[in-house]
Amino acid sequence: MSRFHLLAATGVSQLPSLNITLHSPKAPSASLIIILVLTLLSVAPSLLILFTGFAQVVVVLSITRNALGLTAVPPNQVLAGLALFLSIFIMAPTLATVDHQAVKPYLSGKINAVQAYNRAESPIKQWMLKNTRTQELALFSSADHTANLPAASTPMTAVIPAFLLSELHSAFVMGFVIYLPFLIIDLVVSSVLMSLGMMMLPPTLVSLPFKLLLFVMVNGWSLVVGALLVSMR
């Protein structure tokens, strides 16, 4: 006997209705959290370069080392480590906002993954736009056909390259200012050696102690780091 005849024989006139209710977002499982953490760790270097001031910091520190005439001191590991912690220090308020608005609500199951992404994107984009020059942003906005949109509505595909170009521009401007006093010392030492007829003595060998002395006397590393902290508000 078919199911329809069985229902008719039992006096049931219609099929039972199926009620579907939408459940609220649930907290992610431990396995999903592990996958997300591993994914973030794998792309962490790219995220560090794209969304923080790491590029500007490491370029300025490298230019400072070259201006002193030192090729391997401090080592690259030291400069990269200093740039990393400076970037984290600068981004600390923004990261705290992302943690409060997106990460904690998502882990507690109050919002889903899409909502968490949108909430995390907003403060990061706001910080990047504060440190992005208008010229670079207009360049990519016009190429992306979003020039008529307000800055807050500009897609991240245009904000990220504009932000990186702005960081490199600021780094080179600071590098030029850092180079000037050391260039003057090199010119003075070269002129003195030429007047003394000491052609075979490299000027950089003589000027290096004077540049180190000047850098230590003015507390150069603190000045450079302070300028970086001011430039990335």
C-alpha atoms as a PDB file:
ATOM      1  CA  MET A   1       0.000   0.000   0.000  1.00  0.00           C
ATOM      2  CA  SER A   2       1.319   3.404  -0.916  1.00  0.00           C
ATOM      3  CA  ARG A   3       1.969   6.100   1.632  1.00  0.00           C
ATOM      4  CA  PHE A   4      -0.936   8.179   0.280  1.00  0.00           C
ATOM      5  CA  HIS A   5      -3.449   5.344   0.728  1.00  0.00           C
ATOM      6  CA  LEU A   6      -2.082   4.655   4.202  1.00  0.00           C
ATOM      7  CA  LEU A   7      -2.630   8.269   5.230  1.00  0.00           C
ATOM      8  CA  ALA A   8      -6.128   8.229   3.749  1.00  0.00           C
ATOM      9  CA  ALA A   9      -6.989   5.045   5.625  1.00  0.00           C
ATOM     10  CA  THR A  10      -5.884   6.481   8.901  1.00  0.00           C
ATOM     11  CA  GLY A  11      -7.906   9.625   8.408  1.00  0.00           C
ATOM     12  CA  VAL A  12      -5.006  12.035   7.926  1.00  0.00           C
ATOM     13  CA  SER A  13      -6.063  14.663   5.407  1.00  0.00           C
ATOM     14  CA  GLN A  14      -2.704  16.387   4.857  1.00  0.00           C
ATOM     15  CA  LEU A  15       0.983  15.789   5.292  1.00  0.00           C
ATOM     16  CA  PRO A  16       2.694  17.148   8.397  1.00  0.00           C
ATOM     17  CA  SER A  17       4.299  20.536   7.846  1.00  0.00           C
ATOM     18  CA  LEU A  18       8.048  21.017   8.255  1.00  0.00           C
ATOM     19  CA  ASN A  19       9.039  24.044  10.318  1.00  0.00           C
ATOM     20  CA  ILE A  20      12.562  25.353   9.665  1.00  0.00           C
ATOM     21  CA  THR A  21      13.976  27.889  12.103  1.00  0.00           C
ATOM     22  CA  LEU A  22      17.171  29.832  11.663  1.00  0.00           C
ATOM     23  CA  HIS A  23      19.560  29.305  14.507  1.00  0.00           C
ATOM     24  CA  SER A  24      21.784  32.036  15.856  1.00  0.00           C
ATOM     25  CA  PRO A  25      25.530  31.846  15.105  1.00  0.00           C
ATOM     26  CA  LYS A  26      27.309  29.208  17.102  1.00  0.00           C
ATOM     27  CA  ALA A  27      30.786  29.379  18.570  1.00  0.00           C
ATOM     28  CA  PRO A  28      33.379  27.892  16.195  1.00  0.00           C
ATOM     29  CA  SER A  29      34.699  24.462  17.032  1.00  0.00           C
ATOM     30  CA  ALA A  30      38.222  23.822  18.238  1.00  0.00           C
ATOM     31  CA  SER A  31      39.228  22.255  14.921  1.00  0.00           C
ATOM     32  CA  LEU A  32      38.004  25.328  13.014  1.00  0.00           C
ATOM     33  CA  ILE A  33      39.930  27.633  15.343  1.00  0.00           C
ATOM     34  CA  ILE A  34      43.100  25.591  14.783  1.00  0.00           C
ATOM     35  CA  ILE A  35      42.631  25.810  11.011  1.00  0.00           C
ATOM     36  CA  LEU A  36      42.130  29.577  11.204  1.00  0.00           C
ATOM     37  CA  VAL A  37      45.204  30.028  13.397  1.00  0.00           C
ATOM     38  CA  LEU A  38      47.372  27.944  11.065  1.00  0.00           C
ATOM     39  CA  THR A  39      46.079  29.891   8.077  1.00  0.00           C
ATOM     40  CA  LEU A  40      46.860  33.205   9.738  1.00  0.00           C
ATOM     41  CA  LEU A  41      50.353  32.018  10.640  1.00  0.00           C
ATOM     42  CA  SER A  42      51.022  30.975   7.051  1.00  0.00           C
ATOM     43  CA  VAL A  43      50.049  34.378   5.663  1.00  0.00           C
ATOM     44  CA  ALA A  44      51.336  36.407   8.617  1.00  0.00           C
ATOM     45  CA  PRO A  45      54.383  37.856   6.765  1.00  0.00           C
ATOM     46  CA  SER A  46      52.175  39.126   3.945  1.00  0.00           C
ATOM     47  CA  LEU A  47      49.631  40.572   6.373  1.00  0.00           C
ATOM     48  CA  LEU A  48      52.436  42.245   8.321  1.00  0.00           C
ATOM     49  CA  ILE A  49      53.736  43.982   5.204  1.00  0.00           C
ATOM     50  CA  LEU A  50      50.360  44.888   3.700  1.00  0.00           C
ATOM     51  CA  PHE A  51      48.359  46.084   6.698  1.00  0.00           C
ATOM     52  CA  THR A  52      50.940  47.593   9.072  1.00  0.00           C
ATOM     53  CA  GLY A  53      53.712  50.160   8.954  1.00  0.00           C
ATOM     54  CA  PHE A  54      56.389  47.451   8.791  1.00  0.00           C
ATOM     55  CA  ALA A  55      57.517  48.480   5.301  1.00  0.00           C
ATOM     56  CA  GLN A  56      58.143  52.091   6.278  1.00  0.00           C
ATOM     57  CA  VAL A  57      59.908  51.172   9.518  1.00  0.00           C
ATOM     58  CA  VAL A  58      62.290  48.634   7.992  1.00  0.00           C
ATOM     59  CA  VAL A  59      63.134  50.928   5.042  1.00  0.00           C
ATOM     60  CA  VAL A  60      63.936  53.866   7.337  1.00  0.00           C
ATOM     61  CA  LEU A  61      66.086  51.688   9.605  1.00  0.00           C
ATOM     62  CA  SER A  62      67.944  50.284   6.593  1.00  0.00           C
ATOM     63  CA  ILE A  63      68.576  53.774   5.200  1.00  0.00           C
ATOM     64  CA  THR A  64      69.873  54.870   8.600  1.00  0.00           C
ATOM     65  CA  ARG A  65      72.331  51.981   8.642  1.00  0.00           C
ATOM     66  CA  ASN A  66      73.523  52.794   5.128  1.00  0.00           C
ATOM     67  CA  ALA A  67      73.870  56.487   5.984  1.00  0.00           C
ATOM     68  CA  LEU A  68      76.202  55.560   8.808  1.00  0.00           C
ATOM     69  CA  GLY A  69      78.326  53.609   6.355  1.00  0.00           C
ATOM     70  CA  LEU A  70      77.658  50.280   8.068  1.00  0.00           C
ATOM     71  CA  THR A  71      76.731  47.425   5.754  1.00  0.00           C
ATOM     72  CA  ALA A  72      76.086  44.637   8.258  1.00  0.00           C
ATOM     73  CA  VAL A  73      75.731  46.377  11.634  1.00  0.00           C
ATOM     74  CA  PRO A  74      73.092  46.159  13.016  1.00  0.00           C
ATOM     75  CA  PRO A  75      72.334  42.806  11.352  1.00  0.00           C
ATOM     76  CA  ASN A  76      69.223  42.347   9.251  1.00  0.00           C
ATOM     77  CA  GLN A  77      67.670  40.181  11.970  1.00  0.00           C
ATOM     78  CA  VAL A  78      67.966  43.020  14.473  1.00  0.00           C
ATOM     79  CA  LEU A  79      66.426  45.554  12.098  1.00  0.00           C
ATOM     80  CA  ALA A  80      63.599  43.175  11.179  1.00  0.00           C
ATOM     81  CA  GLY A  81      62.911  42.375  14.835  1.00  0.00           C
ATOM     82  CA  LEU A  82      62.882  46.052  15.797  1.00  0.00           C
ATOM     83  CA  ALA A  83      60.597  46.851  12.851  1.00  0.00           C
ATOM     84  CA  LEU A  84      58.279  44.002  13.843  1.00  0.00           C
ATOM     85  CA  PHE A  85      57.798  45.143  17.432  1.00  0.00           C
ATOM     86  CA  LEU A  86      57.509  48.793  16.412  1.00  0.00           C
ATOM     87  CA  SER A  87      54.772  47.824  13.956  1.00  0.00           C
ATOM     88  CA  ILE A  88      52.943  45.862  16.656  1.00  0.00           C
ATOM     89  CA  PHE A  89      53.288  48.786  19.071  1.00  0.00           C
ATOM     90  CA  ILE A  90      51.912  51.225  16.498  1.00  0.00           C
ATOM     91  CA  MET A  91      49.040  48.917  15.561  1.00  0.00           C
ATOM     92  CA  ALA A  92      48.179  47.980  19.167  1.00  0.00           C
ATOM     93  CA  PRO A  93      45.101  50.284  19.475  1.00  0.00           C
ATOM     94  CA  THR A  94      43.754  49.104  16.114  1.00  0.00           C
ATOM     95  CA  LEU A  95      44.370  45.449  16.963  1.00  0.00           C
ATOM     96  CA  ALA A  96      42.627  45.924  20.297  1.00  0.00           C
ATOM     97  CA  THR A  97      39.597  47.351  18.474  1.00  0.00           C
ATOM     98  CA  VAL A  98      39.570  44.397  16.067  1.00  0.00           C
ATOM     99  CA  ASP A  99      39.780  41.966  18.974  1.00  0.00           C
ATOM    100  CA  HIS A 100      36.927  43.687  20.816  1.00  0.00           C
ATOM    101  CA  GLN A 101      34.597  44.127  17.845  1.00  0.00           C
ATOM    102  CA  ALA A 102      35.299  41.021  15.750  1.00  0.00           C
ATOM    103  CA  VAL A 103      37.444  38.295  17.317  1.00  0.00           C
ATOM    104  CA  LYS A 104      35.816  37.940  20.728  1.00  0.00           C
ATOM    105  CA  PRO A 105      32.204  38.097  19.439  1.00  0.00           C
ATOM    106  CA  TYR A 106      33.041  35.499  16.781  1.00  0.00           C
ATOM    107  CA  LEU A 107      34.716  33.117  19.230  1.00  0.00           C
ATOM    108  CA  SER A 108      31.781  33.453  21.620  1.00  0.00           C
ATOM    109  CA  GLY A 109      29.278  32.674  18.843  1.00  0.00           C
ATOM    110  CA  LYS A 110      27.569  36.074  18.775  1.00  0.00           C
ATOM    111  CA  ILE A 111      28.393  36.770  15.108  1.00  0.00           C
ATOM    112  CA  ASN A 112      29.270  34.645  12.107  1.00  0.00           C
ATOM    113  CA  ALA A 113      32.468  34.647  10.064  1.00  0.00           C
ATOM    114  CA  VAL A 114      31.237  37.166   7.479  1.00  0.00           C
ATOM    115  CA  GLN A 115      30.181  39.642  10.147  1.00  0.00           C
ATOM    116  CA  ALA A 116      33.505  39.177  11.939  1.00  0.00           C
ATOM    117  CA  TYR A 117      35.407  39.911   8.729  1.00  0.00           C
ATOM    118  CA  ASN A 118      33.411  43.072   8.064  1.00  0.00           C
ATOM    119  CA  ARG A 119      33.906  44.297  11.621  1.00  0.00           C
ATOM    120  CA  ALA A 120      37.654  43.590  11.483  1.00  0.00           C
ATOM    121  CA  GLU A 121      38.078  45.318   8.122  1.00  0.00           C
ATOM    122  CA  SER A 122      36.595  48.638   9.213  1.00  0.00           C
ATOM    123  CA  PRO A 123      39.165  49.764  11.851  1.00  0.00           C
ATOM    124  CA  ILE A 124      42.099  48.449   9.800  1.00  0.00           C
ATOM    125  CA  LYS A 125      40.948  50.327   6.712  1.00  0.00           C
ATOM    126  CA  GLN A 126      40.376  53.464   8.779  1.00  0.00           C
ATOM    127  CA  TRP A 127      43.953  53.336  10.093  1.00  0.00           C
ATOM    128  CA  MET A 128      45.366  52.690   6.634  1.00  0.00           C
ATOM    129  CA  LEU A 129      43.445  55.617   5.148  1.00  0.00           C
ATOM    130  CA  LYS A 130      44.855  57.939   7.827  1.00  0.00           C
ATOM    131  CA  ASN A 131      48.361  57.046   6.647  1.00  0.00           C
ATOM    132  CA  THR A 132      47.614  57.073   2.910  1.00  0.00           C
ATOM    133  CA  ARG A 133      48.388  60.075   0.738  1.00  0.00           C
ATOM    134  CA  THR A 134      45.575  61.520  -1.351  1.00  0.00           C
ATOM    135  CA  GLN A 135      47.568  61.263  -4.583  1.00  0.00           C
ATOM    136  CA  GLU A 136      48.158  57.530  -4.288  1.00  0.00           C
ATOM    137  CA  LEU A 137      44.575  56.843  -3.241  1.00  0.00           C
ATOM    138  CA  ALA A 138      43.245  58.875  -6.170  1.00  0.00           C
ATOM    139  CA  LEU A 139      45.535  56.993  -8.556  1.00  0.00           C
ATOM    140  CA  PHE A 140      44.200  53.561  -7.643  1.00  0.00           C
ATOM    141  CA  SER A 141      40.632  54.782  -7.173  1.00  0.00           C
ATOM    142  CA  SER A 142      40.565  56.153 -10.709  1.00  0.00           C
ATOM    143  CA  ALA A 143      42.063  52.941 -12.076  1.00  0.00           C
ATOM    144  CA  ASP A 144      39.471  50.922 -10.129  1.00  0.00           C
ATOM    145  CA  HIS A 145      36.629  53.230 -11.266  1.00  0.00           C
ATOM    146  CA  THR A 146      35.765  54.095  -7.672  1.00  0.00           C
ATOM    147  CA  ALA A 147      36.984  57.696  -7.702  1.00  0.00           C
ATOM    148  CA  ASN A 148      33.509  59.070  -6.998  1.00  0.00           C
ATOM    149  CA  LEU A 149      33.098  57.002  -3.846  1.00  0.00           C
ATOM    150  CA  PRO A 150      34.053  58.389  -0.411  1.00  0.00           C
ATOM    151  CA  ALA A 151      37.365  57.244   1.009  1.00  0.00           C
ATOM    152  CA  ALA A 152      35.701  54.960   3.556  1.00  0.00           C
ATOM    153  CA  SER A 153      33.895  53.110   0.745  1.00  0.00           C
ATOM    154  CA  THR A 154      37.034  52.538  -1.324  1.00  0.00           C
ATOM    155  CA  PRO A 155      37.681  48.788  -1.708  1.00  0.00           C
ATOM    156  CA  MET A 156      40.690  47.245  -0.033  1.00  0.00           C
ATOM    157  CA  THR A 157      42.108  46.317  -3.433  1.00  0.00           C
ATOM    158  CA  ALA A 158      42.738  50.031  -3.995  1.00  0.00           C
ATOM    159  CA  VAL A 159      43.548  51.002  -0.400  1.00  0.00           C
ATOM    160  CA  ILE A 160      46.344  48.441   0.100  1.00  0.00           C
ATOM    161  CA  PRO A 161      48.639  49.466  -2.809  1.00  0.00           C
ATOM    162  CA  ALA A 162      47.965  53.150  -2.155  1.00  0.00           C
ATOM    163  CA  PHE A 163      48.911  52.636   1.490  1.00  0.00           C
ATOM    164  CA  LEU A 164      52.150  50.831   0.577  1.00  0.00           C
ATOM    165  CA  LEU A 165      53.194  53.546  -1.869  1.00  0.00           C
ATOM    166  CA  SER A 166      52.481  56.189   0.760  1.00  0.00           C
ATOM    167  CA  GLU A 167      54.596  54.303   3.284  1.00  0.00           C
ATOM    168  CA  LEU A 168      57.506  54.092   0.828  1.00  0.00           C
ATOM    169  CA  HIS A 169      57.169  57.802   0.039  1.00  0.00           C
ATOM    170  CA  SER A 170      57.313  58.721   3.722  1.00  0.00           C
ATOM    171  CA  ALA A 171      60.253  56.363   4.275  1.00  0.00           C
ATOM    172  CA  PHE A 172      62.282  57.935   1.473  1.00  0.00           C
ATOM    173  CA  VAL A 173      61.541  61.461   2.698  1.00  0.00           C
ATOM    174  CA  MET A 174      62.760  60.513   6.177  1.00  0.00           C
ATOM    175  CA  GLY A 175      65.773  58.765   4.654  1.00  0.00           C
ATOM    176  CA  PHE A 176      66.735  61.939   2.787  1.00  0.00           C
ATOM    177  CA  VAL A 177      66.626  63.960   5.997  1.00  0.00           C
ATOM    178  CA  ILE A 178      68.672  61.320   7.822  1.00  0.00           C
ATOM    179  CA  TYR A 179      71.317  61.214   5.084  1.00  0.00           C
ATOM    180  CA  LEU A 180      72.051  64.967   5.035  1.00  0.00           C
ATOM    181  CA  PRO A 181      74.210  65.340   8.186  1.00  0.00           C
ATOM    182  CA  PHE A 182      76.240  62.236   7.359  1.00  0.00           C
ATOM    183  CA  LEU A 183      76.749  63.453   3.801  1.00  0.00           C
ATOM    184  CA  ILE A 184      78.130  66.726   5.164  1.00  0.00           C
ATOM    185  CA  ILE A 185      80.582  64.810   7.340  1.00  0.00           C
ATOM    186  CA  ASP A 186      81.726  62.766   4.319  1.00  0.00           C
ATOM    187  CA  LEU A 187      82.240  65.931   2.268  1.00  0.00           C
ATOM    188  CA  VAL A 188      84.243  67.629   5.026  1.00  0.00           C
ATOM    189  CA  VAL A 189      86.456  64.582   5.574  1.00  0.00           C
ATOM    190  CA  SER A 190      87.019  64.164   1.829  1.00  0.00           C
ATOM    191  CA  SER A 191      87.998  67.829   1.486  1.00  0.00           C
ATOM    192  CA  VAL A 192      90.459  67.590   4.391  1.00  0.00           C
ATOM    193  CA  LEU A 193      92.062  64.433   3.019  1.00  0.00           C
ATOM    194  CA  MET A 194      92.356  65.983  -0.427  1.00  0.00           C
ATOM    195  CA  SER A 195      94.001  69.097   0.986  1.00  0.00           C
ATOM    196  CA  LEU A 196      96.485  66.939   2.901  1.00  0.00           C
ATOM    197  CA  GLY A 197      97.291  64.945  -0.202  1.00  0.00           C
ATOM    198  CA  MET A 198      96.156  61.664   1.349  1.00  0.00           C
ATOM    199  CA  MET A 199      94.655  60.197  -1.818  1.00  0.00           C
ATOM    200  CA  MET A 200      95.022  56.542  -0.890  1.00  0.00           C
ATOM    201  CA  LEU A 201      93.136  56.762   2.405  1.00  0.00           C
ATOM    202  CA  PRO A 202      89.402  56.008   1.941  1.00  0.00           C
ATOM    203  CA  PRO A 203      87.297  58.941   3.218  1.00  0.00           C
ATOM    204  CA  THR A 204      84.619  56.586   4.532  1.00  0.00           C
ATOM    205  CA  LEU A 205      87.166  54.932   6.813  1.00  0.00           C
ATOM    206  CA  VAL A 206      87.988  58.264   8.431  1.00  0.00           C
ATOM    207  CA  SER A 207      84.434  59.645   8.527  1.00  0.00           C
ATOM    208  CA  LEU A 208      82.904  56.529  10.101  1.00  0.00           C
ATOM    209  CA  PRO A 209      84.052  57.272  13.684  1.00  0.00           C
ATOM    210  CA  PHE A 210      82.822  60.859  13.405  1.00  0.00           C
ATOM    211  CA  LYS A 211      79.427  59.729  12.119  1.00  0.00           C
ATOM    212  CA  LEU A 212      79.117  57.205  14.919  1.00  0.00           C
ATOM    213  CA  LEU A 213      80.086  59.859  17.454  1.00  0.00           C
ATOM    214  CA  LEU A 214      77.487  62.283  16.090  1.00  0.00           C
ATOM    215  CA  PHE A 215      74.819  59.579  16.018  1.00  0.00           C
ATOM    216  CA  VAL A 216      75.492  58.571  19.622  1.00  0.00           C
ATOM    217  CA  MET A 217      75.665  62.161  20.894  1.00  0.00           C
ATOM    218  CA  VAL A 218      72.246  63.059  19.473  1.00  0.00           C
ATOM    219  CA  ASN A 219      70.769  59.701  20.555  1.00  0.00           C
ATOM    220  CA  GLY A 220      70.079  58.884  16.929  1.00  0.00           C
ATOM    221  CA  TRP A 221      68.107  55.659  17.276  1.00  0.00           C
ATOM    222  CA  SER A 222      65.630  57.300  19.625  1.00  0.00           C
ATOM    223  CA  LEU A 223      65.208  60.213  17.224  1.00  0.00           C
ATOM    224  CA  VAL A 224      64.592  57.881  14.294  1.00  0.00           C
ATOM    225  CA  VAL A 225      62.127  55.717  16.211  1.00  0.00           C
ATOM    226  CA  GLY A 226      60.361  58.798  17.585  1.00  0.00           C
ATOM    227  CA  ALA A 227      59.976  60.201  14.069  1.00  0.00           C
ATOM    228  CA  LEU A 228      58.502  56.886  12.923  1.00  0.00           C
ATOM    229  CA  LEU A 229      55.991  56.857  15.774  1.00  0.00           C
ATOM    230  CA  VAL A 230      54.922  60.407  14.957  1.00  0.00           C
ATOM    231  CA  SER A 231      54.640  59.769  11.218  1.00  0.00           C
ATOM    232  CA  MET A 232      52.318  56.758  11.740  1.00  0.00           C
ATOM    233  CA  ARG A 233      49.596  58.064  14.018  1.00  0.00           C
END
